[in-house]
Amino acid sequence: MISAALGVAVLVVLLALFGLFLSAVTGPSTASTSATARVPSPASSRTPTPTPRVSSTSPTARATATASGTAPTTPTTTSAAPIPGPSGVGKADKDPSALPEPTSWSRASTWTKNNALYGRSVKVPTRCGVGLIDPATISSSALKAHLNRLAGCLTMVWRPQVRAAGFTMPYPPVTVYTGDSTSPCGRMNAHNAFYCSGSQQIYFGTRLHEILPERDYAYDLIMAHEFGHAVQARTGIFTSAFAYYYSETGAERTRMMRRLELQADCFAGAGMNALSRYTGLTASDREGFVEIARAIADDTLTGKVLEHGSAKARARWLDRGLGSAALKVCNTFTASNATVR
């Protein structure tokens, strides 16, 4: 039987970022003062080094933010037709039901390796999209509106499949922060983005662009990855993977974390592929997504393969999601060790 203490620890664990450098997490968790579990950081005390910025396609023919950095109220495509926004998902849920937790190792195995979600396919295209923003100039309020809109679109993508798999999928709120974040999962600086299971919300730092390659829709890809963790959390994959994580040691523990992170990469690809038509993603944008995944991989940043995976693995799993609506391609938990390195 999986202990209740472990279940509480899992709920407050910090699932950090899309693979970037992490800042030291400080402060007690409001969800548990006695056993706050956190993901080990490969470079928690390092100051992020800005990645050389490489411009992708010119945004002049696309829906962009205004010169002041404020996103248009209604994003438009190149033909000036309004981009459809979220529909049928309600408002962001700040008080969702508790996450599903495995009560036995058998259940944990089923939820990770044979989850009913893997038998589903996301709808491509899903009729929702977002405009192009400039992360370096957009205001915090406009960024919050943009990311919450994207969260609504991603809820449209994922909710039907999560429900069909026997679970529920709330619309997770997005908090944009400029200094250090404050969440049940601790504190992070503004060079980060993360999903916190303690609040079931996504937190997004305004300075994240400083350590990313300059590619169109970079923030949207990272948002889709963090939303992927929300999907894992609502389908029992997240809590089950952490149950295994805390029962393992050494290489097996690290490998379990990579399976979780690489699956979120794959889910990110699936989500952005579903929104591709109405967002107006191009082949160049898709190539840019893979470039971002490689740029923020463990071995690219640290020279070692740690919790998030190598450049090769991150690109592989992201590309799998981008290339298929079938979620079975994202089952990292039955994949060979070599493919999740």
C-alpha atoms as a PDB file:
ATOM      1  CA  MET A   1       0.000   0.000   0.000  1.00  0.00           C
ATOM      2  CA  ILE A   2       1.315   3.462  -0.834  1.00  0.00           C
ATOM      3  CA  SER A   3       1.484   5.502   2.331  1.00  0.00           C
ATOM      4  CA  ALA A   4      -0.655   8.561   2.972  1.00  0.00           C
ATOM      5  CA  ALA A   5       2.482  10.500   3.847  1.00  0.00           C
ATOM      6  CA  LEU A   6       3.878   9.827   0.411  1.00  0.00           C
ATOM      7  CA  GLY A   7       0.609  10.913  -1.124  1.00  0.00           C
ATOM      8  CA  VAL A   8       0.821  14.275   0.656  1.00  0.00           C
ATOM      9  CA  ALA A   9       4.443  14.684  -0.390  1.00  0.00           C
ATOM     10  CA  VAL A  10       3.555  13.993  -3.981  1.00  0.00           C
ATOM     11  CA  LEU A  11       0.867  16.653  -3.969  1.00  0.00           C
ATOM     12  CA  VAL A  12       3.269  19.404  -2.995  1.00  0.00           C
ATOM     13  CA  VAL A  13       6.140  18.400  -5.221  1.00  0.00           C
ATOM     14  CA  LEU A  14       7.436  21.010  -7.617  1.00  0.00           C
ATOM     15  CA  LEU A  15       7.364  19.960 -11.258  1.00  0.00           C
ATOM     16  CA  ALA A  16       9.652  22.642 -12.606  1.00  0.00           C
ATOM     17  CA  LEU A  17       9.983  24.231 -15.960  1.00  0.00           C
ATOM     18  CA  PHE A  18      10.419  22.969 -19.419  1.00  0.00           C
ATOM     19  CA  GLY A  19      14.011  21.922 -18.762  1.00  0.00           C
ATOM     20  CA  LEU A  20      15.720  25.220 -18.010  1.00  0.00           C
ATOM     21  CA  PHE A  21      18.028  26.009 -15.122  1.00  0.00           C
ATOM     22  CA  LEU A  22      16.167  26.032 -11.821  1.00  0.00           C
ATOM     23  CA  SER A  23      16.580  28.494  -9.002  1.00  0.00           C
ATOM     24  CA  ALA A  24      16.906  27.400  -5.404  1.00  0.00           C
ATOM     25  CA  VAL A  25      13.487  26.692  -3.920  1.00  0.00           C
ATOM     26  CA  THR A  26      13.088  28.340  -0.537  1.00  0.00           C
ATOM     27  CA  GLY A  27      10.374  28.680   2.049  1.00  0.00           C
ATOM     28  CA  PRO A  28       8.072  26.046   3.547  1.00  0.00           C
ATOM     29  CA  SER A  29       5.201  24.554   1.628  1.00  0.00           C
ATOM     30  CA  THR A  30       1.766  25.617   2.789  1.00  0.00           C
ATOM     31  CA  ALA A  31       0.478  22.150   1.938  1.00  0.00           C
ATOM     32  CA  SER A  32       2.876  20.263   4.163  1.00  0.00           C
ATOM     33  CA  THR A  33       5.316  21.642   6.700  1.00  0.00           C
ATOM     34  CA  SER A  34       6.753  18.303   7.736  1.00  0.00           C
ATOM     35  CA  ALA A  35       7.547  16.587   4.431  1.00  0.00           C
ATOM     36  CA  THR A  36       7.803  18.902   1.456  1.00  0.00           C
ATOM     37  CA  ALA A  37       9.043  16.880  -1.506  1.00  0.00           C
ATOM     38  CA  ARG A  38      10.799  18.743  -4.295  1.00  0.00           C
ATOM     39  CA  VAL A  39      12.326  17.646  -7.568  1.00  0.00           C
ATOM     40  CA  PRO A  40      16.122  17.739  -7.354  1.00  0.00           C
ATOM     41  CA  SER A  41      17.569  20.538  -9.442  1.00  0.00           C
ATOM     42  CA  PRO A  42      20.571  19.831 -11.665  1.00  0.00           C
ATOM     43  CA  ALA A  43      21.763  23.414 -11.409  1.00  0.00           C
ATOM     44  CA  SER A  44      19.706  24.958  -8.665  1.00  0.00           C
ATOM     45  CA  SER A  45      22.314  27.480  -7.577  1.00  0.00           C
ATOM     46  CA  ARG A  46      23.489  28.558 -11.017  1.00  0.00           C
ATOM     47  CA  THR A  47      22.605  31.819 -12.662  1.00  0.00           C
ATOM     48  CA  PRO A  48      21.083  31.136 -16.081  1.00  0.00           C
ATOM     49  CA  THR A  49      23.287  32.068 -19.002  1.00  0.00           C
ATOM     50  CA  PRO A  50      21.307  33.730 -21.779  1.00  0.00           C
ATOM     51  CA  THR A  51      21.077  31.595 -24.899  1.00  0.00           C
ATOM     52  CA  PRO A  52      22.144  33.266 -28.174  1.00  0.00           C
ATOM     53  CA  ARG A  53      18.986  34.636 -29.703  1.00  0.00           C
ATOM     54  CA  VAL A  54      18.222  33.416 -33.200  1.00  0.00           C
ATOM     55  CA  SER A  55      15.329  35.047 -34.973  1.00  0.00           C
ATOM     56  CA  SER A  56      12.945  32.718 -36.741  1.00  0.00           C
ATOM     57  CA  THR A  57      10.439  33.812 -39.318  1.00  0.00           C
ATOM     58  CA  SER A  58       9.538  37.453 -39.601  1.00  0.00           C
ATOM     59  CA  PRO A  59       6.431  38.276 -37.572  1.00  0.00           C
ATOM     60  CA  THR A  60       5.368  41.130 -39.825  1.00  0.00           C
ATOM     61  CA  ALA A  61       2.779  39.005 -41.634  1.00  0.00           C
ATOM     62  CA  ARG A  62       1.435  37.472 -38.445  1.00  0.00           C
ATOM     63  CA  ALA A  63      -0.702  38.408 -35.487  1.00  0.00           C
ATOM     64  CA  THR A  64       1.721  40.195 -33.159  1.00  0.00           C
ATOM     65  CA  ALA A  65       1.724  42.203 -29.987  1.00  0.00           C
ATOM     66  CA  THR A  66       1.511  45.965 -30.328  1.00  0.00           C
ATOM     67  CA  ALA A  67       4.621  48.095 -30.197  1.00  0.00           C
ATOM     68  CA  SER A  68       3.960  48.807 -26.535  1.00  0.00           C
ATOM     69  CA  GLY A  69       3.969  45.094 -25.770  1.00  0.00           C
ATOM     70  CA  THR A  70       0.239  44.807 -25.211  1.00  0.00           C
ATOM     71  CA  ALA A  71      -1.301  41.834 -26.969  1.00  0.00           C
ATOM     72  CA  PRO A  72      -4.288  42.539 -29.217  1.00  0.00           C
ATOM     73  CA  THR A  73      -7.618  41.914 -27.533  1.00  0.00           C
ATOM     74  CA  THR A  74      -8.662  39.756 -30.493  1.00  0.00           C
ATOM     75  CA  PRO A  75      -5.654  38.174 -32.235  1.00  0.00           C
ATOM     76  CA  THR A  76      -5.901  38.020 -35.995  1.00  0.00           C
ATOM     77  CA  THR A  77      -4.442  35.817 -38.677  1.00  0.00           C
ATOM     78  CA  THR A  78      -2.736  37.063 -41.843  1.00  0.00           C
ATOM     79  CA  SER A  79      -6.156  37.396 -43.493  1.00  0.00           C
ATOM     80  CA  ALA A  80      -7.406  39.481 -40.539  1.00  0.00           C
ATOM     81  CA  ALA A  81      -9.986  36.836 -39.651  1.00  0.00           C
ATOM     82  CA  PRO A  82     -10.433  36.557 -35.872  1.00  0.00           C
ATOM     83  CA  ILE A  83      -8.678  33.618 -34.259  1.00  0.00           C
ATOM     84  CA  PRO A  84     -11.255  31.552 -32.324  1.00  0.00           C
ATOM     85  CA  GLY A  85     -10.719  31.501 -28.592  1.00  0.00           C
ATOM     86  CA  PRO A  86     -11.636  28.995 -25.889  1.00  0.00           C
ATOM     87  CA  SER A  87     -15.240  27.830 -25.855  1.00  0.00           C
ATOM     88  CA  GLY A  88     -17.199  25.345 -23.793  1.00  0.00           C
ATOM     89  CA  VAL A  89     -14.610  25.092 -21.008  1.00  0.00           C
ATOM     90  CA  GLY A  90     -15.881  27.721 -18.581  1.00  0.00           C
ATOM     91  CA  LYS A  91     -13.507  29.805 -16.487  1.00  0.00           C
ATOM     92  CA  ALA A  92     -10.192  28.910 -14.916  1.00  0.00           C
ATOM     93  CA  ASP A  93     -10.770  26.699 -11.866  1.00  0.00           C
ATOM     94  CA  LYS A  94      -9.029  28.006  -8.758  1.00  0.00           C
ATOM     95  CA  ASP A  95     -10.551  25.356  -6.505  1.00  0.00           C
ATOM     96  CA  PRO A  96     -10.315  22.038  -8.360  1.00  0.00           C
ATOM     97  CA  SER A  97     -10.993  18.635  -6.890  1.00  0.00           C
ATOM     98  CA  ALA A  98      -8.101  16.677  -5.384  1.00  0.00           C
ATOM     99  CA  LEU A  99      -5.661  14.922  -7.672  1.00  0.00           C
ATOM    100  CA  PRO A 100      -6.107  11.164  -8.079  1.00  0.00           C
ATOM    101  CA  GLU A 101      -3.577   9.197  -6.024  1.00  0.00           C
ATOM    102  CA  PRO A 102      -2.741   5.507  -6.415  1.00  0.00           C
ATOM    103  CA  THR A 103      -3.708   3.347  -3.454  1.00  0.00           C
ATOM    104  CA  SER A 104      -1.583   0.379  -4.520  1.00  0.00           C
ATOM    105  CA  TRP A 105       1.495  -0.328  -6.598  1.00  0.00           C
ATOM    106  CA  SER A 106      -0.729  -2.164  -9.061  1.00  0.00           C
ATOM    107  CA  ARG A 107      -2.754   1.008  -9.603  1.00  0.00           C
ATOM    108  CA  ALA A 108       0.431   3.070  -9.923  1.00  0.00           C
ATOM    109  CA  SER A 109       1.701   0.670 -12.580  1.00  0.00           C
ATOM    110  CA  THR A 110      -1.560   0.838 -14.517  1.00  0.00           C
ATOM    111  CA  TRP A 111      -1.754   4.616 -14.424  1.00  0.00           C
ATOM    112  CA  THR A 112       1.802   5.055 -15.690  1.00  0.00           C
ATOM    113  CA  LYS A 113       2.202   2.189 -18.153  1.00  0.00           C
ATOM    114  CA  ASN A 114      -1.336   1.429 -19.323  1.00  0.00           C
ATOM    115  CA  ASN A 115      -3.293   4.593 -18.664  1.00  0.00           C
ATOM    116  CA  ALA A 116      -6.605   4.760 -20.510  1.00  0.00           C
ATOM    117  CA  LEU A 117      -5.480   8.145 -21.845  1.00  0.00           C
ATOM    118  CA  TYR A 118      -3.016   6.347 -24.123  1.00  0.00           C
ATOM    119  CA  GLY A 119      -5.927   4.868 -26.034  1.00  0.00           C
ATOM    120  CA  ARG A 120      -7.256   8.303 -26.949  1.00  0.00           C
ATOM    121  CA  SER A 121      -6.420  10.788 -29.704  1.00  0.00           C
ATOM    122  CA  VAL A 122      -6.597  14.572 -29.471  1.00  0.00           C
ATOM    123  CA  LYS A 123      -8.782  16.396 -31.976  1.00  0.00           C
ATOM    124  CA  VAL A 124      -6.737  17.867 -34.825  1.00  0.00           C
ATOM    125  CA  PRO A 125      -7.539  20.595 -35.499  1.00  0.00           C
ATOM    126  CA  THR A 126      -9.082  21.900 -32.313  1.00  0.00           C
ATOM    127  CA  ARG A 127     -10.895  25.144 -33.107  1.00  0.00           C
ATOM    128  CA  CYS A 128      -8.932  27.503 -30.880  1.00  0.00           C
ATOM    129  CA  GLY A 129      -5.737  29.467 -31.239  1.00  0.00           C
ATOM    130  CA  VAL A 130      -3.531  32.313 -30.037  1.00  0.00           C
ATOM    131  CA  GLY A 131      -1.731  35.193 -31.689  1.00  0.00           C
ATOM    132  CA  LEU A 132       2.001  35.790 -31.795  1.00  0.00           C
ATOM    133  CA  ILE A 133       3.509  37.793 -28.932  1.00  0.00           C
ATOM    134  CA  ASP A 134       6.905  39.318 -28.253  1.00  0.00           C
ATOM    135  CA  PRO A 135       7.969  37.932 -24.852  1.00  0.00           C
ATOM    136  CA  ALA A 136      10.611  40.647 -24.456  1.00  0.00           C
ATOM    137  CA  THR A 137       8.160  43.567 -24.648  1.00  0.00           C
ATOM    138  CA  ILE A 138       4.726  42.264 -23.702  1.00  0.00           C
ATOM    139  CA  SER A 139       3.307  43.599 -20.431  1.00  0.00           C
ATOM    140  CA  SER A 140       2.682  41.284 -17.511  1.00  0.00           C
ATOM    141  CA  SER A 141      -1.077  41.780 -17.755  1.00  0.00           C
ATOM    142  CA  ALA A 142      -1.111  41.046 -21.479  1.00  0.00           C
ATOM    143  CA  LEU A 143       1.082  37.980 -20.972  1.00  0.00           C
ATOM    144  CA  LYS A 144      -1.293  36.720 -18.289  1.00  0.00           C
ATOM    145  CA  ALA A 145      -4.253  37.173 -20.642  1.00  0.00           C
ATOM    146  CA  HIS A 146      -2.394  35.414 -23.458  1.00  0.00           C
ATOM    147  CA  LEU A 147      -1.326  32.416 -21.367  1.00  0.00           C
ATOM    148  CA  ASN A 148      -4.732  32.006 -19.737  1.00  0.00           C
ATOM    149  CA  ARG A 149      -6.294  32.066 -23.196  1.00  0.00           C
ATOM    150  CA  LEU A 150      -3.836  29.375 -24.285  1.00  0.00           C
ATOM    151  CA  ALA A 151      -4.674  27.356 -21.160  1.00  0.00           C
ATOM    152  CA  GLY A 152      -8.312  27.545 -22.227  1.00  0.00           C
ATOM    153  CA  CYS A 153      -7.435  26.309 -25.710  1.00  0.00           C
ATOM    154  CA  LEU A 154      -5.387  23.464 -24.256  1.00  0.00           C
ATOM    155  CA  THR A 155      -8.277  22.578 -21.963  1.00  0.00           C
ATOM    156  CA  MET A 156     -10.390  22.203 -25.119  1.00  0.00           C
ATOM    157  CA  VAL A 157      -7.735  19.856 -26.511  1.00  0.00           C
ATOM    158  CA  TRP A 158      -7.298  17.710 -23.409  1.00  0.00           C
ATOM    159  CA  ARG A 159     -10.547  17.696 -21.442  1.00  0.00           C
ATOM    160  CA  PRO A 160     -12.511  15.378 -23.767  1.00  0.00           C
ATOM    161  CA  GLN A 161      -9.705  12.817 -23.786  1.00  0.00           C
ATOM    162  CA  VAL A 162      -9.085  12.982 -20.048  1.00  0.00           C
ATOM    163  CA  ARG A 163     -12.810  12.529 -19.385  1.00  0.00           C
ATOM    164  CA  ALA A 164     -13.001   9.632 -21.825  1.00  0.00           C
ATOM    165  CA  ALA A 165     -10.151   8.012 -19.894  1.00  0.00           C
ATOM    166  CA  GLY A 166     -12.215   8.182 -16.699  1.00  0.00           C
ATOM    167  CA  PHE A 167     -10.766  11.300 -15.074  1.00  0.00           C
ATOM    168  CA  THR A 168     -11.589  15.015 -14.827  1.00  0.00           C
ATOM    169  CA  MET A 169      -9.723  17.953 -16.344  1.00  0.00           C
ATOM    170  CA  PRO A 170     -10.152  21.367 -14.719  1.00  0.00           C
ATOM    171  CA  TYR A 171      -9.084  24.551 -16.516  1.00  0.00           C
ATOM    172  CA  PRO A 172      -5.840  25.433 -14.654  1.00  0.00           C
ATOM    173  CA  PRO A 173      -5.215  29.115 -13.902  1.00  0.00           C
ATOM    174  CA  VAL A 174      -1.930  30.736 -14.936  1.00  0.00           C
ATOM    175  CA  THR A 175      -0.116  33.135 -12.628  1.00  0.00           C
ATOM    176  CA  VAL A 176       2.459  35.455 -14.216  1.00  0.00           C
ATOM    177  CA  TYR A 177       5.123  36.759 -11.841  1.00  0.00           C
ATOM    178  CA  THR A 178       7.917  39.315 -12.185  1.00  0.00           C
ATOM    179  CA  GLY A 179      10.041  38.718  -9.088  1.00  0.00           C
ATOM    180  CA  ASP A 180      10.042  35.497  -7.111  1.00  0.00           C
ATOM    181  CA  SER A 181       6.963  33.316  -7.347  1.00  0.00           C
ATOM    182  CA  THR A 182       4.996  32.375  -4.267  1.00  0.00           C
ATOM    183  CA  SER A 183       3.184  29.060  -4.417  1.00  0.00           C
ATOM    184  CA  PRO A 184       2.553  25.969  -2.266  1.00  0.00           C
ATOM    185  CA  CYS A 185       5.589  24.514  -4.036  1.00  0.00           C
ATOM    186  CA  GLY A 186       8.009  27.165  -2.828  1.00  0.00           C
ATOM    187  CA  ARG A 187       9.788  30.049  -4.520  1.00  0.00           C
ATOM    188  CA  MET A 188      11.234  30.369  -8.009  1.00  0.00           C
ATOM    189  CA  ASN A 189      12.730  33.339  -9.808  1.00  0.00           C
ATOM    190  CA  ALA A 190      11.316  34.919 -12.951  1.00  0.00           C
ATOM    191  CA  HIS A 191      13.530  32.895 -15.332  1.00  0.00           C
ATOM    192  CA  ASN A 192      11.247  29.912 -14.760  1.00  0.00           C
ATOM    193  CA  ALA A 193       7.876  28.385 -15.514  1.00  0.00           C
ATOM    194  CA  PHE A 194       6.404  25.481 -13.573  1.00  0.00           C
ATOM    195  CA  TYR A 195       3.327  23.473 -12.704  1.00  0.00           C
ATOM    196  CA  CYS A 196       2.612  23.214  -8.994  1.00  0.00           C
ATOM    197  CA  SER A 197       0.565  20.217  -7.911  1.00  0.00           C
ATOM    198  CA  GLY A 198      -0.152  21.813  -4.522  1.00  0.00           C
ATOM    199  CA  SER A 199      -2.348  24.483  -6.129  1.00  0.00           C
ATOM    200  CA  GLN A 200      -2.890  22.784  -9.515  1.00  0.00           C
ATOM    201  CA  GLN A 201      -1.848  26.016 -11.190  1.00  0.00           C
ATOM    202  CA  ILE A 202       0.817  27.030 -13.679  1.00  0.00           C
ATOM    203  CA  TYR A 203       3.309  29.773 -12.815  1.00  0.00           C
ATOM    204  CA  PHE A 204       5.154  31.702 -15.508  1.00  0.00           C
ATOM    205  CA  GLY A 205       8.084  34.087 -14.976  1.00  0.00           C
ATOM    206  CA  THR A 206       8.320  37.243 -17.102  1.00  0.00           C
ATOM    207  CA  ARG A 207      12.079  36.895 -17.694  1.00  0.00           C
ATOM    208  CA  LEU A 208      11.986  33.395 -19.114  1.00  0.00           C
ATOM    209  CA  HIS A 209      12.686  34.723 -22.619  1.00  0.00           C
ATOM    210  CA  GLU A 210      16.167  35.787 -21.523  1.00  0.00           C
ATOM    211  CA  ILE A 211      17.370  32.175 -21.475  1.00  0.00           C
ATOM    212  CA  LEU A 212      15.497  30.872 -24.514  1.00  0.00           C
ATOM    213  CA  PRO A 213      16.409  30.871 -28.184  1.00  0.00           C
ATOM    214  CA  GLU A 214      14.334  33.530 -29.911  1.00  0.00           C
ATOM    215  CA  ARG A 215      11.799  31.447 -31.773  1.00  0.00           C
ATOM    216  CA  ASP A 216       8.174  32.290 -32.493  1.00  0.00           C
ATOM    217  CA  TYR A 217       5.672  30.773 -30.048  1.00  0.00           C
ATOM    218  CA  ALA A 218       8.442  29.744 -27.632  1.00  0.00           C
ATOM    219  CA  TYR A 219       6.337  30.709 -24.598  1.00  0.00           C
ATOM    220  CA  ASP A 220       3.394  28.795 -26.015  1.00  0.00           C
ATOM    221  CA  LEU A 221       5.445  25.628 -26.322  1.00  0.00           C
ATOM    222  CA  ILE A 222       6.649  25.899 -22.732  1.00  0.00           C
ATOM    223  CA  MET A 223       3.110  26.589 -21.597  1.00  0.00           C
ATOM    224  CA  ALA A 224       1.971  23.446 -23.444  1.00  0.00           C
ATOM    225  CA  HIS A 225       4.655  21.445 -21.616  1.00  0.00           C
ATOM    226  CA  GLU A 226       3.514  22.711 -18.226  1.00  0.00           C
ATOM    227  CA  PHE A 227      -0.071  21.969 -19.209  1.00  0.00           C
ATOM    228  CA  GLY A 228       1.164  18.473 -20.038  1.00  0.00           C
ATOM    229  CA  HIS A 229       2.108  18.099 -16.379  1.00  0.00           C
ATOM    230  CA  ALA A 230      -1.413  19.191 -15.449  1.00  0.00           C
ATOM    231  CA  VAL A 231      -2.758  16.432 -17.702  1.00  0.00           C
ATOM    232  CA  GLN A 232      -0.442  13.932 -16.017  1.00  0.00           C
ATOM    233  CA  ALA A 233      -1.621  15.131 -12.618  1.00  0.00           C
ATOM    234  CA  ARG A 234      -5.306  14.759 -13.461  1.00  0.00           C
ATOM    235  CA  THR A 235      -4.870  11.233 -14.863  1.00  0.00           C
ATOM    236  CA  GLY A 236      -2.860   9.747 -11.985  1.00  0.00           C
ATOM    237  CA  ILE A 237       0.360   9.572 -13.984  1.00  0.00           C
ATOM    238  CA  PHE A 238       2.004  12.355 -12.013  1.00  0.00           C
ATOM    239  CA  THR A 239       1.338  11.005  -8.524  1.00  0.00           C
ATOM    240  CA  SER A 240       2.104   7.439  -9.562  1.00  0.00           C
ATOM    241  CA  ALA A 241       5.422   8.423 -11.127  1.00  0.00           C
ATOM    242  CA  PHE A 242       6.421  10.224  -7.949  1.00  0.00           C
ATOM    243  CA  ALA A 243       5.447   7.228  -5.849  1.00  0.00           C
ATOM    244  CA  TYR A 244       7.949   5.222  -7.890  1.00  0.00           C
ATOM    245  CA  TYR A 245      10.439   8.079  -7.776  1.00  0.00           C
ATOM    246  CA  TYR A 246      10.546   8.057  -3.994  1.00  0.00           C
ATOM    247  CA  SER A 247      10.771   4.269  -3.848  1.00  0.00           C
ATOM    248  CA  GLU A 248      13.781   4.132  -6.180  1.00  0.00           C
ATOM    249  CA  THR A 249      17.420   5.167  -5.798  1.00  0.00           C
ATOM    250  CA  GLY A 250      20.224   6.201  -8.106  1.00  0.00           C
ATOM    251  CA  ALA A 251      19.819   5.802 -11.857  1.00  0.00           C
ATOM    252  CA  GLU A 252      16.321   4.339 -11.646  1.00  0.00           C
ATOM    253  CA  ARG A 253      15.072   7.362  -9.713  1.00  0.00           C
ATOM    254  CA  THR A 254      16.524   9.777 -12.249  1.00  0.00           C
ATOM    255  CA  ARG A 255      15.162   7.724 -15.135  1.00  0.00           C
ATOM    256  CA  MET A 256      11.640   7.831 -13.662  1.00  0.00           C
ATOM    257  CA  MET A 257      11.816  11.617 -13.576  1.00  0.00           C
ATOM    258  CA  ARG A 258      12.957  11.685 -17.201  1.00  0.00           C
ATOM    259  CA  ARG A 259      10.009   9.510 -18.227  1.00  0.00           C
ATOM    260  CA  LEU A 260       7.674  12.047 -16.629  1.00  0.00           C
ATOM    261  CA  GLU A 261       9.390  15.065 -18.197  1.00  0.00           C
ATOM    262  CA  LEU A 262       9.774  13.569 -21.656  1.00  0.00           C
ATOM    263  CA  GLN A 263       6.120  12.604 -21.669  1.00  0.00           C
ATOM    264  CA  ALA A 264       5.275  16.238 -20.923  1.00  0.00           C
ATOM    265  CA  ASP A 265       7.407  17.159 -23.960  1.00  0.00           C
ATOM    266  CA  CYS A 266       5.360  14.750 -26.051  1.00  0.00           C
ATOM    267  CA  PHE A 267       2.085  16.092 -24.634  1.00  0.00           C
ATOM    268  CA  ALA A 268       3.303  19.611 -25.450  1.00  0.00           C
ATOM    269  CA  GLY A 269       3.807  18.561 -29.061  1.00  0.00           C
ATOM    270  CA  ALA A 270       0.360  16.969 -29.201  1.00  0.00           C
ATOM    271  CA  GLY A 271      -1.259  20.081 -27.746  1.00  0.00           C
ATOM    272  CA  MET A 272       0.450  22.518 -30.099  1.00  0.00           C
ATOM    273  CA  ASN A 273      -0.258  20.264 -33.073  1.00  0.00           C
ATOM    274  CA  ALA A 274      -3.956  20.291 -32.186  1.00  0.00           C
ATOM    275  CA  LEU A 275      -3.924  24.117 -32.093  1.00  0.00           C
ATOM    276  CA  SER A 276      -1.683  24.456 -35.121  1.00  0.00           C
ATOM    277  CA  ARG A 277      -4.272  25.384 -37.758  1.00  0.00           C
ATOM    278  CA  TYR A 278      -6.002  28.179 -35.864  1.00  0.00           C
ATOM    279  CA  THR A 279      -2.770  29.518 -34.372  1.00  0.00           C
ATOM    280  CA  GLY A 280      -1.183  29.522 -37.813  1.00  0.00           C
ATOM    281  CA  LEU A 281       1.917  27.497 -37.024  1.00  0.00           C
ATOM    282  CA  THR A 282       4.312  26.976 -39.915  1.00  0.00           C
ATOM    283  CA  ALA A 283       6.874  24.299 -40.682  1.00  0.00           C
ATOM    284  CA  SER A 284       9.481  26.771 -39.462  1.00  0.00           C
ATOM    285  CA  ASP A 285       7.656  27.139 -36.149  1.00  0.00           C
ATOM    286  CA  ARG A 286       7.680  23.370 -35.684  1.00  0.00           C
ATOM    287  CA  GLU A 287      11.386  23.269 -36.430  1.00  0.00           C
ATOM    288  CA  GLY A 288      11.812  26.056 -33.902  1.00  0.00           C
ATOM    289  CA  PHE A 289      10.050  24.000 -31.243  1.00  0.00           C
ATOM    290  CA  VAL A 290      12.534  21.180 -31.723  1.00  0.00           C
ATOM    291  CA  GLU A 291      15.383  23.699 -31.603  1.00  0.00           C
ATOM    292  CA  ILE A 292      14.111  24.979 -28.262  1.00  0.00           C
ATOM    293  CA  ALA A 293      13.871  21.455 -26.871  1.00  0.00           C
ATOM    294  CA  ARG A 294      17.479  20.775 -27.821  1.00  0.00           C
ATOM    295  CA  ALA A 295      18.678  24.130 -26.478  1.00  0.00           C
ATOM    296  CA  ILE A 296      17.283  23.549 -22.996  1.00  0.00           C
ATOM    297  CA  ALA A 297      18.115  19.855 -22.667  1.00  0.00           C
ATOM    298  CA  ASP A 298      20.212  18.589 -19.766  1.00  0.00           C
ATOM    299  CA  ASP A 299      23.342  17.814 -21.754  1.00  0.00           C
ATOM    300  CA  THR A 300      23.163  21.110 -23.635  1.00  0.00           C
ATOM    301  CA  LEU A 301      23.005  23.068 -20.392  1.00  0.00           C
ATOM    302  CA  THR A 302      25.138  20.985 -18.037  1.00  0.00           C
ATOM    303  CA  GLY A 303      27.020  18.436 -20.128  1.00  0.00           C
ATOM    304  CA  LYS A 304      25.209  15.631 -18.291  1.00  0.00           C
ATOM    305  CA  VAL A 305      21.915  13.810 -18.760  1.00  0.00           C
ATOM    306  CA  LEU A 306      19.875  14.417 -15.629  1.00  0.00           C
ATOM    307  CA  GLU A 307      16.142  14.687 -14.857  1.00  0.00           C
ATOM    308  CA  HIS A 308      14.832  16.255 -18.061  1.00  0.00           C
ATOM    309  CA  GLY A 309      16.665  14.282 -20.727  1.00  0.00           C
ATOM    310  CA  SER A 310      19.234  14.711 -23.464  1.00  0.00           C
ATOM    311  CA  ALA A 311      18.827  16.981 -26.478  1.00  0.00           C
ATOM    312  CA  LYS A 312      18.237  13.912 -28.608  1.00  0.00           C
ATOM    313  CA  ALA A 313      15.543  12.517 -26.306  1.00  0.00           C
ATOM    314  CA  ARG A 314      13.745  15.825 -25.810  1.00  0.00           C
ATOM    315  CA  ALA A 315      13.642  16.459 -29.542  1.00  0.00           C
ATOM    316  CA  ARG A 316      12.482  12.886 -30.203  1.00  0.00           C
ATOM    317  CA  TRP A 317       9.552  12.936 -27.788  1.00  0.00           C
ATOM    318  CA  LEU A 318       8.444  16.448 -28.693  1.00  0.00           C
ATOM    319  CA  ASP A 319       8.504  15.506 -32.365  1.00  0.00           C
ATOM    320  CA  ARG A 320       6.438  12.383 -31.672  1.00  0.00           C
ATOM    321  CA  GLY A 321       3.713  14.528 -30.172  1.00  0.00           C
ATOM    322  CA  LEU A 322       3.873  17.081 -32.961  1.00  0.00           C
ATOM    323  CA  GLY A 323       3.487  14.338 -35.527  1.00  0.00           C
ATOM    324  CA  SER A 324       0.541  12.351 -34.193  1.00  0.00           C
ATOM    325  CA  ALA A 325      -2.888  12.854 -32.657  1.00  0.00           C
ATOM    326  CA  ALA A 326      -2.715   9.386 -31.058  1.00  0.00           C
ATOM    327  CA  LEU A 327      -1.574   9.672 -27.447  1.00  0.00           C
ATOM    328  CA  LYS A 328      -0.150   6.163 -27.402  1.00  0.00           C
ATOM    329  CA  VAL A 329       2.980   7.634 -28.986  1.00  0.00           C
ATOM    330  CA  CYS A 330       3.586   9.521 -25.719  1.00  0.00           C
ATOM    331  CA  ASN A 331       3.857   6.473 -23.456  1.00  0.00           C
ATOM    332  CA  THR A 332       7.355   7.023 -22.118  1.00  0.00           C
ATOM    333  CA  PHE A 333       6.778   4.605 -19.232  1.00  0.00           C
ATOM    334  CA  THR A 334       7.014   1.500 -21.398  1.00  0.00           C
ATOM    335  CA  ALA A 335       9.741   2.915 -23.646  1.00  0.00           C
ATOM    336  CA  SER A 336      13.242   1.468 -23.565  1.00  0.00           C
ATOM    337  CA  ASN A 337      15.822   3.050 -21.272  1.00  0.00           C
ATOM    338  CA  ALA A 338      17.805   4.205 -24.301  1.00  0.00           C
ATOM    339  CA  THR A 339      14.934   6.286 -25.655  1.00  0.00           C
ATOM    340  CA  VAL A 340      14.411   8.161 -22.395  1.00  0.00           C
ATOM    341  CA  ARG A 341      17.993   9.150 -21.894  1.00  0.00           C
END
